[in-house]
Amino acid sequence: MPYEKGQSGNPAGRPLGARNRATIVVGTLLQGQVEPMTRVAMDLALGGDMAALRMCLDRVAPPGRHRPIASSFRRSAPRRTRRRRWPRSRRTWRWAS
């Protein structure tokens, strides 16, 4: 049975709001246990467990992306003032004078 052009094999598709089976299973297993688990993780983080602290901070304040970071660090060694210039052959490089 050939399909008509522009018509999928399942025109109704997955209904809106339908959840994956794995998500439903995890939700039923963790039902009522999320708050005590969160308290334990926070207690471990406050006790000095770095992995728990990182997990809590990642959930509360995710790492910022695409934001410039201002720093006041100085370089320990001076930068080279001359640029590298590639010759046309690109086999070797030399410092520009």
N, C-alpha and C. Protein backbone atom coordinates (compact mmCIF):
# COMPACT_ATOMS: atom_id res chain seq x y z
N MET A 1 0.85 -1.17 0.00
CA MET A 1 0.00 0.00 0.00
C MET A 1 0.90 1.24 0.00
N PRO A 2 0.99 1.93 -1.11
CA PRO A 2 1.85 3.12 -1.18
C PRO A 2 1.18 4.31 -0.47
N TYR A 3 2.03 5.12 0.12
CA TYR A 3 1.54 6.32 0.79
C TYR A 3 1.42 7.46 -0.21
N GLU A 4 0.50 8.34 0.04
CA GLU A 4 0.36 9.51 -0.81
C GLU A 4 1.46 10.50 -0.49
N LYS A 5 1.81 11.31 -1.45
CA LYS A 5 2.87 12.28 -1.26
C LYS A 5 2.45 13.29 -0.18
N GLY A 6 3.37 13.51 0.78
CA GLY A 6 3.10 14.45 1.87
C GLY A 6 2.34 13.83 3.02
N GLN A 7 2.06 12.54 2.97
CA GLN A 7 1.32 11.86 4.04
C GLN A 7 2.25 10.89 4.73
N SER A 8 2.36 10.98 6.07
CA SER A 8 3.24 10.07 6.79
C SER A 8 2.54 8.75 7.06
N GLY A 9 3.29 7.78 7.55
CA GLY A 9 2.72 6.48 7.86
C GLY A 9 1.83 6.52 9.09
N ASN A 10 2.02 7.52 9.95
CA ASN A 10 1.21 7.65 11.15
C ASN A 10 0.75 9.10 11.24
N PRO A 11 -0.33 9.46 10.55
CA PRO A 11 -0.74 10.86 10.51
C PRO A 11 -1.11 11.43 11.87
N ALA A 12 -1.64 10.61 12.76
CA ALA A 12 -2.01 11.13 14.07
C ALA A 12 -0.76 11.40 14.90
N GLY A 13 0.25 10.54 14.78
CA GLY A 13 1.49 10.73 15.53
C GLY A 13 1.29 10.54 17.02
N ARG A 14 2.32 10.86 17.78
CA ARG A 14 2.22 10.78 19.23
C ARG A 14 1.38 11.95 19.73
N PRO A 15 0.44 11.69 20.62
CA PRO A 15 -0.39 12.79 21.11
C PRO A 15 0.42 13.80 21.91
N LEU A 16 -0.02 15.03 21.91
CA LEU A 16 0.66 16.06 22.67
C LEU A 16 0.62 15.74 24.16
N GLY A 17 1.74 15.93 24.83
CA GLY A 17 1.80 15.69 26.27
C GLY A 17 2.08 14.25 26.64
N ALA A 18 2.21 13.36 25.66
CA ALA A 18 2.50 11.96 25.95
C ALA A 18 3.93 11.84 26.45
N ARG A 19 4.16 11.04 27.50
CA ARG A 19 5.49 10.89 28.06
C ARG A 19 6.07 9.54 27.68
N ASN A 20 7.38 9.47 27.70
CA ASN A 20 8.10 8.26 27.39
C ASN A 20 7.87 7.24 28.51
N ARG A 21 7.93 5.95 28.20
CA ARG A 21 7.73 4.91 29.21
C ARG A 21 8.77 4.99 30.32
N ALA A 22 10.01 5.25 29.96
CA ALA A 22 11.07 5.33 30.96
C ALA A 22 10.81 6.48 31.94
N THR A 23 10.32 7.59 31.45
CA THR A 23 10.01 8.73 32.31
C THR A 23 8.89 8.38 33.28
N ILE A 24 7.91 7.64 32.81
CA ILE A 24 6.79 7.24 33.67
C ILE A 24 7.28 6.28 34.74
N VAL A 25 8.14 5.31 34.38
CA VAL A 25 8.66 4.34 35.35
C VAL A 25 9.48 5.03 36.42
N VAL A 26 10.37 5.93 36.02
CA VAL A 26 11.20 6.65 37.00
C VAL A 26 10.32 7.49 37.90
N GLY A 27 9.30 8.12 37.36
CA GLY A 27 8.39 8.92 38.17
C GLY A 27 7.66 8.10 39.22
N THR A 28 7.25 6.89 38.85
CA THR A 28 6.55 6.05 39.83
C THR A 28 7.52 5.50 40.88
N LEU A 29 8.75 5.20 40.48
CA LEU A 29 9.72 4.69 41.46
C LEU A 29 10.14 5.76 42.47
N LEU A 30 10.25 6.99 42.02
CA LEU A 30 10.70 8.07 42.90
C LEU A 30 9.57 8.81 43.58
N GLN A 31 8.36 8.37 43.38
CA GLN A 31 7.21 9.07 43.94
C GLN A 31 7.32 9.10 45.47
N GLY A 32 7.33 10.28 46.03
CA GLY A 32 7.41 10.45 47.48
C GLY A 32 8.83 10.39 48.03
N GLN A 33 9.83 10.10 47.21
CA GLN A 33 11.21 9.97 47.68
C GLN A 33 12.09 11.15 47.28
N VAL A 34 11.59 12.06 46.47
CA VAL A 34 12.42 13.13 45.94
C VAL A 34 12.84 14.10 47.04
N GLU A 35 11.92 14.48 47.91
CA GLU A 35 12.26 15.44 48.96
C GLU A 35 13.29 14.89 49.94
N PRO A 36 13.16 13.66 50.45
CA PRO A 36 14.21 13.14 51.35
C PRO A 36 15.56 12.99 50.65
N MET A 37 15.55 12.60 49.37
CA MET A 37 16.80 12.48 48.63
C MET A 37 17.47 13.84 48.47
N THR A 38 16.66 14.87 48.23
CA THR A 38 17.20 16.22 48.10
C THR A 38 17.81 16.68 49.40
N ARG A 39 17.14 16.38 50.52
CA ARG A 39 17.68 16.76 51.83
C ARG A 39 19.01 16.07 52.10
N VAL A 40 19.11 14.80 51.76
CA VAL A 40 20.37 14.07 51.97
C VAL A 40 21.48 14.68 51.13
N ALA A 41 21.18 14.99 49.88
CA ALA A 41 22.20 15.59 49.01
C ALA A 41 22.64 16.94 49.54
N MET A 42 21.71 17.74 50.04
CA MET A 42 22.07 19.04 50.59
C MET A 42 22.87 18.90 51.87
N ASP A 43 22.52 17.92 52.71
CA ASP A 43 23.30 17.68 53.94
C ASP A 43 24.72 17.26 53.61
N LEU A 44 24.88 16.41 52.60
CA LEU A 44 26.22 16.00 52.19
C LEU A 44 27.02 17.19 51.65
N ALA A 45 26.34 18.03 50.87
CA ALA A 45 27.02 19.21 50.31
C ALA A 45 27.46 20.15 51.42
N LEU A 46 26.59 20.36 52.41
CA LEU A 46 26.95 21.24 53.52
C LEU A 46 28.02 20.61 54.40
N GLY A 47 28.11 19.29 54.38
CA GLY A 47 29.14 18.59 55.15
C GLY A 47 30.50 18.58 54.48
N GLY A 48 30.58 19.05 53.24
CA GLY A 48 31.87 19.15 52.57
C GLY A 48 32.06 18.18 51.41
N ASP A 49 31.06 17.40 51.06
CA ASP A 49 31.19 16.48 49.92
C ASP A 49 31.13 17.31 48.63
N MET A 50 32.27 17.36 47.93
CA MET A 50 32.38 18.23 46.77
C MET A 50 31.49 17.78 45.61
N ALA A 51 31.32 16.48 45.44
CA ALA A 51 30.46 15.99 44.35
C ALA A 51 29.01 16.40 44.60
N ALA A 52 28.55 16.28 45.84
CA ALA A 52 27.19 16.68 46.17
C ALA A 52 27.02 18.19 46.05
N LEU A 53 28.06 18.93 46.45
CA LEU A 53 28.00 20.38 46.33
C LEU A 53 27.90 20.80 44.87
N ARG A 54 28.70 20.18 44.01
CA ARG A 54 28.65 20.50 42.59
C ARG A 54 27.28 20.16 42.01
N MET A 55 26.72 19.02 42.39
CA MET A 55 25.41 18.63 41.88
C MET A 55 24.35 19.64 42.29
N CYS A 56 24.38 20.06 43.55
CA CYS A 56 23.39 21.03 44.03
C CYS A 56 23.54 22.37 43.33
N LEU A 57 24.78 22.83 43.18
CA LEU A 57 24.99 24.12 42.53
C LEU A 57 24.63 24.07 41.05
N ASP A 58 24.87 22.95 40.39
CA ASP A 58 24.49 22.83 38.98
C ASP A 58 22.99 22.90 38.80
N ARG A 59 22.24 22.44 39.77
CA ARG A 59 20.78 22.48 39.67
C ARG A 59 20.24 23.86 40.02
N VAL A 60 20.86 24.52 41.00
CA VAL A 60 20.37 25.82 41.43
C VAL A 60 20.80 26.91 40.46
N ALA A 61 22.08 26.93 40.12
CA ALA A 61 22.62 27.95 39.22
C ALA A 61 23.43 27.26 38.14
N PRO A 62 22.83 26.90 37.02
CA PRO A 62 23.57 26.22 35.97
C PRO A 62 24.69 27.11 35.44
N PRO A 63 25.75 26.50 34.90
CA PRO A 63 26.87 27.30 34.41
C PRO A 63 26.42 28.25 33.30
N GLY A 64 26.85 29.49 33.40
CA GLY A 64 26.48 30.50 32.41
C GLY A 64 27.25 30.30 31.12
N ARG A 65 26.58 30.43 30.04
CA ARG A 65 27.22 30.29 28.74
C ARG A 65 27.07 31.58 27.98
N HIS A 66 28.03 31.85 27.14
CA HIS A 66 28.02 33.02 26.26
C HIS A 66 28.02 34.32 27.05
N ARG A 67 28.65 34.30 28.20
CA ARG A 67 28.81 35.54 28.96
C ARG A 67 30.29 35.81 29.12
N PRO A 68 30.71 37.05 28.90
CA PRO A 68 32.13 37.34 29.11
C PRO A 68 32.46 37.31 30.60
N ILE A 69 33.65 36.87 30.91
CA ILE A 69 34.10 36.79 32.30
C ILE A 69 35.20 37.83 32.48
N ALA A 70 34.99 38.75 33.40
CA ALA A 70 36.00 39.76 33.68
C ALA A 70 36.93 39.22 34.75
N SER A 71 38.22 39.37 34.54
CA SER A 71 39.19 38.91 35.53
C SER A 71 40.27 39.97 35.69
N SER A 72 40.91 39.95 36.84
CA SER A 72 41.97 40.91 37.11
C SER A 72 43.32 40.21 37.20
N PHE A 73 43.43 39.02 36.61
CA PHE A 73 44.69 38.29 36.64
C PHE A 73 45.68 38.92 35.68
N ARG A 74 46.93 38.92 36.07
CA ARG A 74 47.98 39.41 35.20
C ARG A 74 48.78 38.24 34.70
N ARG A 75 49.33 38.37 33.52
CA ARG A 75 50.16 37.30 32.97
C ARG A 75 51.48 37.28 33.71
N SER A 76 51.99 36.09 33.96
CA SER A 76 53.25 35.97 34.65
C SER A 76 54.42 36.23 33.72
N ALA A 77 54.26 35.97 32.45
CA ALA A 77 55.33 36.20 31.46
C ALA A 77 54.80 37.15 30.39
N PRO A 78 55.65 38.04 29.89
CA PRO A 78 55.16 38.95 28.85
C PRO A 78 54.86 38.21 27.56
N ARG A 79 53.90 38.70 26.84
CA ARG A 79 53.53 38.10 25.56
C ARG A 79 54.54 38.50 24.51
N ARG A 80 54.66 37.68 23.49
CA ARG A 80 55.53 38.05 22.37
C ARG A 80 54.89 39.19 21.61
N THR A 81 55.73 40.13 21.22
CA THR A 81 55.18 41.28 20.50
C THR A 81 55.13 41.04 19.01
N ARG A 82 55.90 40.06 18.53
CA ARG A 82 55.90 39.78 17.10
C ARG A 82 54.93 38.65 16.79
N ARG A 83 54.28 38.75 15.64
CA ARG A 83 53.37 37.70 15.21
C ARG A 83 54.11 36.68 14.37
N ARG A 84 53.54 35.49 14.33
CA ARG A 84 54.05 34.49 13.40
C ARG A 84 53.47 34.78 12.04
N ARG A 85 54.31 34.76 11.03
CA ARG A 85 53.83 34.97 9.67
C ARG A 85 54.08 33.70 8.88
N TRP A 86 53.03 33.20 8.24
CA TRP A 86 53.16 31.99 7.43
C TRP A 86 53.57 32.37 6.02
N PRO A 87 54.61 31.75 5.50
CA PRO A 87 54.97 32.02 4.10
C PRO A 87 53.95 31.37 3.17
N ARG A 88 54.03 31.71 1.93
CA ARG A 88 53.06 31.18 0.98
C ARG A 88 53.15 29.66 0.85
N SER A 89 54.34 29.10 1.04
CA SER A 89 54.49 27.66 0.90
C SER A 89 53.87 26.92 2.08
N ARG A 90 53.77 27.55 3.23
CA ARG A 90 53.20 26.99 4.45
C ARG A 90 53.95 25.75 4.94
N ARG A 91 55.14 25.54 4.45
CA ARG A 91 55.91 24.39 4.92
C ARG A 91 56.61 24.70 6.23
N THR A 92 57.14 25.89 6.33
CA THR A 92 57.81 26.31 7.56
C THR A 92 57.31 27.69 7.93
N TRP A 93 57.48 28.03 9.16
CA TRP A 93 57.07 29.36 9.58
C TRP A 93 58.29 30.11 10.08
N ARG A 94 58.16 31.42 10.09
CA ARG A 94 59.24 32.26 10.60
C ARG A 94 58.61 33.40 11.36
N TRP A 95 59.39 33.99 12.23
CA TRP A 95 58.88 35.13 13.00
C TRP A 95 58.99 36.39 12.16
N ALA A 96 57.95 37.20 12.19
CA ALA A 96 57.97 38.45 11.44
C ALA A 96 58.94 39.43 12.09
N SER A 97 59.63 40.20 11.29
CA SER A 97 60.59 41.15 11.88
C SER A 97 59.98 42.52 12.02
